[in-house]
C-alpha atoms as a PDB file:
ATOM      1  CA  LEU A   1      -0.032   0.102  -0.046  1.00  0.00           C
ATOM      2  CA  SER A   2       1.287   3.166  -1.033  1.00  0.00           C
ATOM      3  CA  THR A   3      -0.178   6.782  -0.926  1.00  0.00           C
ATOM      4  CA  SER A   4       0.867  10.349  -1.634  1.00  0.00           C
ATOM      5  CA  GLY A   5      -1.778  12.479  -0.519  1.00  0.00           C
ATOM      6  CA  ILE A   6      -1.422  15.392   1.211  1.00  0.00           C
ATOM      7  CA  GLY A   7      -2.490  15.223   4.923  1.00  0.00           C
ATOM      8  CA  ALA A   8      -6.397  13.301   4.960  1.00  0.00           C
ATOM      9  CA  ALA A   9      -5.598  13.025   1.365  1.00  0.00           C
ATOM     10  CA  GLY A  10      -3.601   9.991   1.791  1.00  0.00           C
ATOM     11  CA  ASN A  11      -5.738   8.263   4.679  1.00  0.00           C
ATOM     12  CA  ILE A  12      -5.258   4.528   4.312  1.00  0.00           C
ATOM     13  CA  ASP A  13      -8.163   2.263   5.380  1.00  0.00           C
ATOM     14  CA  VAL A  14      -8.080  -1.343   4.242  1.00  0.00           C
ATOM     15  CA  ARG A  15      -9.956  -4.714   5.153  1.00  0.00           C
ATOM     16  CA  GLU A  16      -8.289  -7.512   4.407  1.00  0.00           C
ATOM     17  CA  ALA A  17     -10.017 -11.143   4.317  1.00  0.00           C
ATOM     18  CA  ASN A  18      -6.959 -13.180   4.796  1.00  0.00           C
ATOM     19  CA  ALA A  19      -3.956 -13.073   7.378  1.00  0.00           C
ATOM     20  CA  LEU A  20      -1.493 -10.972   7.010  1.00  0.00           C
ATOM     21  CA  PRO A  21       1.806 -12.747   7.480  1.00  0.00           C
ATOM     22  CA  THR A  22       4.793 -11.301   6.617  1.00  0.00           C
ATOM     23  CA  GLY A  23       4.252  -8.852   3.142  1.00  0.00           C
ATOM     24  CA  LEU A  24       2.178  -6.056   4.418  1.00  0.00           C
ATOM     25  CA  SER A  25       4.230  -2.698   2.979  1.00  0.00           C
ATOM     26  CA  VAL A  26       2.632   0.581   3.869  1.00  0.00           C
ATOM     27  CA  THR A  27       4.229   4.238   2.946  1.00  0.00           C
ATOM     28  CA  THR A  28       2.463   7.454   2.944  1.00  0.00           C
ATOM     29  CA  HIS A  29       3.165  10.948   2.368  1.00  0.00           C
ATOM     30  CA  SER A  30       5.297  12.517   5.411  1.00  0.00           C
ATOM     31  CA  SER A  31       2.302  15.054   6.105  1.00  0.00           C
ATOM     32  CA  GLY A  32       0.831  12.604   8.282  1.00  0.00           C
ATOM     33  CA  GLN A  33      -1.992  10.121   7.609  1.00  0.00           C
ATOM     34  CA  VAL A  34      -4.336   7.875   9.219  1.00  0.00           C
ATOM     35  CA  VAL A  35      -3.712   4.410   8.848  1.00  0.00           C
ATOM     36  CA  SER A  36      -6.377   1.871   9.599  1.00  0.00           C
ATOM     37  CA  LEU A  37      -5.641  -2.132   8.503  1.00  0.00           C
ATOM     38  CA  SER A  38      -7.475  -4.850   9.706  1.00  0.00           C
ATOM     39  CA  ALA A  39      -7.133  -8.495   9.198  1.00  0.00           C
ATOM     40  CA  PRO A  40      -8.104 -12.200  11.116  1.00  0.00           C
ATOM     41  CA  SER A  41      -4.012 -11.686  11.839  1.00  0.00           C
ATOM     42  CA  ILE A  42      -1.429  -8.990  11.280  1.00  0.00           C
ATOM     43  CA  THR A  43       2.385 -10.039  11.263  1.00  0.00           C
ATOM     44  CA  VAL A  44       4.965  -7.143  11.381  1.00  0.00           C
ATOM     45  CA  GLY A  45       7.188  -8.413   8.980  1.00  0.00           C
ATOM     46  CA  SER A  46       8.230  -5.131   7.716  1.00  0.00           C
ATOM     47  CA  ASN A  47       8.129  -1.355   8.359  1.00  0.00           C
ATOM     48  CA  ILE A  48       4.935   0.340   8.558  1.00  0.00           C
ATOM     49  CA  GLY A  49       3.663   3.697   8.900  1.00  0.00           C
ATOM     50  CA  ASP A  50       5.707   7.211   9.600  1.00  0.00           C
ATOM     51  CA  ALA A  51       6.282   9.417  12.102  1.00  0.00           C
ATOM     52  CA  ALA A  52       3.685  11.377  11.718  1.00  0.00           C
ATOM     53  CA  ASP A  53       0.698   9.017  10.830  1.00  0.00           C
ATOM     54  CA  THR A  54      -1.733   7.761  13.286  1.00  0.00           C
ATOM     55  CA  LEU A  55      -0.976   4.249  13.064  1.00  0.00           C
ATOM     56  CA  MET A  56      -4.530   1.278  13.762  1.00  0.00           C
ATOM     57  CA  LEU A  57      -4.137  -1.892  13.528  1.00  0.00           C
ATOM     58  CA  SER A  58      -7.241  -4.710  14.159  1.00  0.00           C
ATOM     59  CA  ALA A  59      -6.341  -8.184  13.685  1.00  0.00           C
ATOM     60  CA  GLY A  60      -7.105 -11.587  15.690  1.00  0.00           C
ATOM     61  CA  ASP A  61      -3.748 -11.640  16.887  1.00  0.00           C
ATOM     62  CA  ILE A  62      -0.933  -8.746  16.167  1.00  0.00           C
ATOM     63  CA  VAL A  63       2.375 -10.470  15.834  1.00  0.00           C
ATOM     64  CA  GLY A  64       6.225  -9.114  16.270  1.00  0.00           C
ATOM     65  CA  GLY A  65       8.191  -9.726  13.222  1.00  0.00           C
ATOM     66  CA  VAL A  66      11.036  -8.018  11.747  1.00  0.00           C
ATOM     67  CA  GLY A  67       9.523  -4.573  11.333  1.00  0.00           C
ATOM     68  CA  THR A  68       8.677  -1.569  13.400  1.00  0.00           C
ATOM     69  CA  LEU A  69       5.313   0.205  13.371  1.00  0.00           C
ATOM     70  CA  THR A  70       6.160   3.744  13.421  1.00  0.00           C
ATOM     71  CA  GLY A  71       3.135   6.331  13.572  1.00  0.00           C
ATOM     72  CA  ASN A  72       2.677   9.793  16.212  1.00  0.00           C
ATOM     73  CA  GLN A  73       0.124   7.858  17.844  1.00  0.00           C
ATOM     74  CA  ILE A  74      -0.202   3.827  17.352  1.00  0.00           C
ATOM     75  CA  PHE A  75      -3.667   2.245  18.273  1.00  0.00           C
ATOM     76  CA  LEU A  76      -3.608  -2.122  18.725  1.00  0.00           C
ATOM     77  CA  THR A  77      -6.440  -3.782  18.900  1.00  0.00           C
ATOM     78  CA  ALA A  78      -6.725  -7.690  18.962  1.00  0.00           C
ATOM     79  CA  SER A  79      -9.443 -10.360  20.129  1.00  0.00           C
ATOM     80  CA  GLY A  80      -6.604 -12.276  20.081  1.00  0.00           C
ATOM     81  CA  GLY A  81      -3.140 -11.165  21.717  1.00  0.00           C
ATOM     82  CA  ILE A  82      -0.237  -8.931  20.688  1.00  0.00           C
ATOM     83  CA  GLY A  83       3.095 -10.030  20.176  1.00  0.00           C
ATOM     84  CA  ILE A  84       1.928 -13.947  20.560  1.00  0.00           C
ATOM     85  CA  GLY A  85       5.051 -15.421  20.031  1.00  0.00           C
ATOM     86  CA  ALA A  86       7.559 -12.649  19.152  1.00  0.00           C
ATOM     87  CA  PRO A  87       7.138  -9.376  20.749  1.00  0.00           C
ATOM     88  CA  VAL A  88       5.674  -6.244  18.422  1.00  0.00           C
ATOM     89  CA  LYS A  89       8.119  -3.049  18.081  1.00  0.00           C
ATOM     90  CA  THR A  90       6.624  -0.348  17.930  1.00  0.00           C
ATOM     91  CA  ASN A  91       8.154   3.971  17.487  1.00  0.00           C
ATOM     92  CA  THR A  92       6.063   6.186  18.534  1.00  0.00           C
ATOM     93  CA  ALA A  93       6.546   9.931  18.019  1.00  0.00           C
ATOM     94  CA  MET A  94       5.342  11.234  20.661  1.00  0.00           C
ATOM     95  CA  ALA A  95       5.822  10.323  24.727  1.00  0.00           C
ATOM     96  CA  GLY A  96       2.931   8.048  24.121  1.00  0.00           C
ATOM     97  CA  GLY A  97       0.502   8.027  22.439  1.00  0.00           C
ATOM     98  CA  LEU A  98       0.387   3.766  22.574  1.00  0.00           C
ATOM     99  CA  VAL A  99      -2.631   2.548  22.860  1.00  0.00           C
ATOM    100  CA  LEU A 100      -3.303  -1.806  23.325  1.00  0.00           C
ATOM    101  CA  SER A 101      -6.174  -3.764  23.618  1.00  0.00           C
ATOM    102  CA  THR A 102      -6.951  -7.005  23.548  1.00  0.00           C
ATOM    103  CA  SER A 103      -9.389  -9.939  24.249  1.00  0.00           C
ATOM    104  CA  GLY A 104      -8.202 -12.945  24.564  1.00  0.00           C
ATOM    105  CA  ILE A 105      -9.154 -15.302  27.080  1.00  0.00           C
ATOM    106  CA  GLY A 106      -6.000 -16.406  29.608  1.00  0.00           C
ATOM    107  CA  ALA A 107      -2.640 -16.439  27.614  1.00  0.00           C
ATOM    108  CA  ALA A 108      -4.325 -16.098  24.099  1.00  0.00           C
ATOM    109  CA  GLY A 109      -4.553 -11.953  25.219  1.00  0.00           C
ATOM    110  CA  ASN A 110      -1.135 -11.904  26.074  1.00  0.00           C
ATOM    111  CA  ILE A 111       0.754  -8.570  24.742  1.00  0.00           C
ATOM    112  CA  ASP A 112       4.624  -8.227  24.617  1.00  0.00           C
ATOM    113  CA  VAL A 113       5.258  -4.875  23.338  1.00  0.00           C
ATOM    114  CA  ARG A 114       8.921  -3.052  22.510  1.00  0.00           C
ATOM    115  CA  GLU A 115       8.600   0.622  22.142  1.00  0.00           C
ATOM    116  CA  ALA A 116      11.496   2.864  20.812  1.00  0.00           C
ATOM    117  CA  ASN A 117      10.767   5.752  22.643  1.00  0.00           C
ATOM    118  CA  ALA A 118      10.170   7.615  25.871  1.00  0.00           C
ATOM    119  CA  LEU A 119       6.541   6.332  27.076  1.00  0.00           C
ATOM    120  CA  THR A 120       6.483   8.946  29.160  1.00  0.00           C
ATOM    121  CA  THR A 121       2.475  10.010  29.224  1.00  0.00           C
ATOM    122  CA  GLY A 122       0.004   8.099  27.098  1.00  0.00           C
ATOM    123  CA  LEU A 123       0.273   4.670  27.512  1.00  0.00           C
ATOM    124  CA  SER A 124      -3.179   2.532  28.261  1.00  0.00           C
ATOM    125  CA  VAL A 125      -3.581  -1.030  28.435  1.00  0.00           C
ATOM    126  CA  THR A 126      -6.956  -2.950  28.285  1.00  0.00           C
ATOM    127  CA  THR A 127      -7.328  -6.630  28.587  1.00  0.00           C
ATOM    128  CA  HIS A 128      -9.490  -9.596  29.165  1.00  0.00           C
ATOM    129  CA  SER A 129     -11.020 -10.248  32.495  1.00  0.00           C
ATOM    130  CA  SER A 130      -9.400 -13.778  33.135  1.00  0.00           C
ATOM    131  CA  GLY A 131      -5.623 -12.734  33.764  1.00  0.00           C
ATOM    132  CA  GLN A 132      -2.928 -11.977  31.122  1.00  0.00           C
ATOM    133  CA  VAL A 133       0.925 -11.435  31.083  1.00  0.00           C
ATOM    134  CA  ILE A 134       1.595  -8.192  29.916  1.00  0.00           C
ATOM    135  CA  THR A 135       5.336  -6.688  28.889  1.00  0.00           C
ATOM    136  CA  ILE A 136       5.798  -3.302  27.886  1.00  0.00           C
ATOM    137  CA  THR A 137       9.664  -2.605  27.472  1.00  0.00           C
ATOM    138  CA  ALA A 138      10.738   1.281  26.557  1.00  0.00           C
ATOM    139  CA  PRO A 139      13.871   3.172  27.419  1.00  0.00           C
ATOM    140  CA  SER A 140      11.901   4.658  30.038  1.00  0.00           C
ATOM    141  CA  ILE A 141       7.898   4.894  31.181  1.00  0.00           C
ATOM    142  CA  GLY A 142       5.342   6.691  32.938  1.00  0.00           C
ATOM    143  CA  ALA A 143       3.511   4.353  33.952  1.00  0.00           C
ATOM    144  CA  ASN A 144      -0.182   5.440  33.603  1.00  0.00           C
ATOM    145  CA  SER A 145      -3.171   3.385  32.897  1.00  0.00           C
ATOM    146  CA  ILE A 146      -2.550  -0.185  33.681  1.00  0.00           C
ATOM    147  CA  SER A 147      -5.167  -1.540  35.552  1.00  0.00           C
ATOM    148  CA  ASP A 148      -6.647  -4.879  36.206  1.00  0.00           C
ATOM    149  CA  ALA A 149      -6.102  -7.016  39.027  1.00  0.00           C
ATOM    150  CA  ASN A 150      -5.919 -10.284  37.351  1.00  0.00           C
ATOM    151  CA  ASP A 151      -2.777  -9.377  35.185  1.00  0.00           C
ATOM    152  CA  ASP A 152       0.833 -10.316  35.429  1.00  0.00           C
ATOM    153  CA  VAL A 153       2.871  -7.113  34.419  1.00  0.00           C
ATOM    154  CA  THR A 154       6.255  -6.477  33.930  1.00  0.00           C
ATOM    155  CA  LEU A 155       7.424  -3.294  32.640  1.00  0.00           C
ATOM    156  CA  ILE A 156      11.046  -2.705  32.041  1.00  0.00           C
ATOM    157  CA  GLY A 157      12.436   1.039  31.456  1.00  0.00           C
ATOM    158  CA  THR A 158      16.164   0.085  29.720  1.00  0.00           C
ATOM    159  CA  VAL A 159      17.753   3.449  30.367  1.00  0.00           C
ATOM    160  CA  GLY A 160      15.905   5.678  32.605  1.00  0.00           C
ATOM    161  CA  ASN A 161      12.837   5.592  34.784  1.00  0.00           C
ATOM    162  CA  ILE A 162       9.907   4.411  35.718  1.00  0.00           C
ATOM    163  CA  ASP A 163       7.779   6.915  36.765  1.00  0.00           C
ATOM    164  CA  GLY A 164       3.963   7.185  37.798  1.00  0.00           C
ATOM    165  CA  VAL A 165       2.761  10.558  36.298  1.00  0.00           C
ATOM    166  CA  GLY A 166       0.006  10.591  38.861  1.00  0.00           C
ATOM    167  CA  SER A 167      -1.442   6.890  38.131  1.00  0.00           C
ATOM    168  CA  VAL A 168      -1.847   4.171  40.055  1.00  0.00           C
ATOM    169  CA  LEU A 169      -0.495   0.030  38.783  1.00  0.00           C
ATOM    170  CA  THR A 170      -3.154  -2.606  39.486  1.00  0.00           C
ATOM    171  CA  ALA A 171      -1.947  -5.649  38.933  1.00  0.00           C
ATOM    172  CA  LYS A 172      -1.924  -9.702  40.517  1.00  0.00           C
ATOM    173  CA  ASN A 173       1.865  -9.801  40.311  1.00  0.00           C
ATOM    174  CA  MET A 174       4.159  -6.918  38.817  1.00  0.00           C
ATOM    175  CA  THR A 175       7.484  -6.580  37.887  1.00  0.00           C
ATOM    176  CA  LEU A 176       9.018  -3.551  37.779  1.00  0.00           C
ATOM    177  CA  GLU A 177      12.985  -3.087  36.339  1.00  0.00           C
ATOM    178  CA  ALA A 178      14.728   0.413  35.718  1.00  0.00           C
ATOM    179  CA  GLN A 179      18.304   1.154  34.477  1.00  0.00           C
ATOM    180  CA  GLY A 180      17.068   4.438  36.510  1.00  0.00           C
ATOM    181  CA  GLY A 181      14.552   4.829  38.891  1.00  0.00           C
ATOM    182  CA  ILE A 182      11.570   3.415  40.208  1.00  0.00           C
ATOM    183  CA  GLY A 183       9.046   6.419  41.453  1.00  0.00           C
ATOM    184  CA  THR A 184      11.800   9.094  41.201  1.00  0.00           C
ATOM    185  CA  PRO A 185      11.254  11.969  43.227  1.00  0.00           C
ATOM    186  CA  GLY A 186       8.152  14.584  41.811  1.00  0.00           C
ATOM    187  CA  VAL A 187       6.736  12.324  39.734  1.00  0.00           C
ATOM    188  CA  ASN A 188       6.374   8.586  42.283  1.00  0.00           C
ATOM    189  CA  VAL A 189       5.155   5.796  40.839  1.00  0.00           C
ATOM    190  CA  THR A 190       1.665   5.940  43.214  1.00  0.00           C
ATOM    191  CA  ASN A 191       1.545   3.611  46.319  1.00  0.00           C
ATOM    192  CA  SER A 192       0.042   0.376  44.869  1.00  0.00           C
ATOM    193  CA  ALA A 193       3.040  -0.152  42.886  1.00  0.00           C
ATOM    194  CA  ARG A 194       5.967   1.255  44.875  1.00  0.00           C
ATOM    195  CA  THR A 195       4.624  -0.616  47.765  1.00  0.00           C
ATOM    196  CA  TYR A 196       4.359  -3.620  46.151  1.00  0.00           C
ATOM    197  CA  TYR A 197       8.127  -3.230  44.788  1.00  0.00           C
ATOM    198  CA  GLN A 198       9.360  -2.051  48.166  1.00  0.00           C
ATOM    199  CA  LYS A 199       7.873  -5.254  49.786  1.00  0.00           C
ATOM    200  CA  ALA A 200       9.337  -7.267  47.194  1.00  0.00           C
ATOM    201  CA  LEU A 201      12.641  -5.657  48.119  1.00  0.00           C
ATOM    202  CA  GLU A 202      12.292  -6.333  51.962  1.00  0.00           C
ATOM    203  CA  ALA A 203      11.877 -10.137  51.145  1.00  0.00           C
ATOM    204  CA  THR A 204      14.622 -10.607  49.576  1.00  0.00           C
ATOM    205  CA  GLY A 205      17.036  -8.617  51.965  1.00  0.00           C
ATOM    206  CA  ASP A 206      17.540  -6.059  49.343  1.00  0.00           C
ATOM    207  CA  PRO A 207      19.009  -2.607  51.268  1.00  0.00           C
ATOM    208  CA  GLU A 208      17.113  -0.555  48.390  1.00  0.00           C
ATOM    209  CA  ALA A 209      14.022  -1.082  50.303  1.00  0.00           C
ATOM    210  CA  ALA A 210      15.333   1.024  53.217  1.00  0.00           C
ATOM    211  CA  ARG A 211      16.671   3.742  50.505  1.00  0.00           C
ATOM    212  CA  LEU A 212      12.916   3.303  48.971  1.00  0.00           C
ATOM    213  CA  ALA A 213      11.245   4.045  52.308  1.00  0.00           C
ATOM    214  CA  ALA A 214      13.082   6.603  52.960  1.00  0.00           C
ATOM    215  CA  ARG A 215      12.634   8.633  49.942  1.00  0.00           C
ATOM    216  CA  LYS A 216       8.964   7.836  49.830  1.00  0.00           C
ATOM    217  CA  ALA A 217       8.462   9.714  53.362  1.00  0.00           C
ATOM    218  CA  ALA A 218      11.062  12.649  52.631  1.00  0.00           C
ATOM    219  CA  ALA A 219       8.161  13.275  49.846  1.00  0.00           C
ATOM    220  CA  GLN A 220       5.276  13.342  51.993  1.00  0.00           C
END
């Protein structure tokens, strides 16, 4: 698929009857378009979108491949899961703008996404109430709008911090990994996530637990 129209004149809306394994290719004008693609399943086998696009993919499963999804905002909606078998690579131009939704029951609705840029705001994740495994990896993460008491959530900040930005993380089990800080002063991960992390550290005897408690007390 290739369009040269400027702005909305170059929008794309395609609904494919069969699975799109690896041969999907999309190019648009740099002025920014809305690209909407749906199929029974989509494998990201090539680079799709550009930094000005709003990219909307809808499928049974959205499967990662050698390609990267790029957009100003990216919306991924799956009746199954996202990143099933291989993580989906994304590249959002905004400081977030990544909206993920799955409806698959149990492991069929799992999510595994690896974002190239900081997700400081605009990250939204919704899943089925049956409980899924959610893994989000990015240079840094503002953990906003992840809330399901049945999910196992892992957030990985590969370069910087995991910050709360005034939101609450809710999960059955939660793992937070950051090369920087977790709940850094001024933008703290709120109590449900922060307390979980502190208790995990205390259980292993990690001295960081005491430092975290002191930092929390100082911020109050």
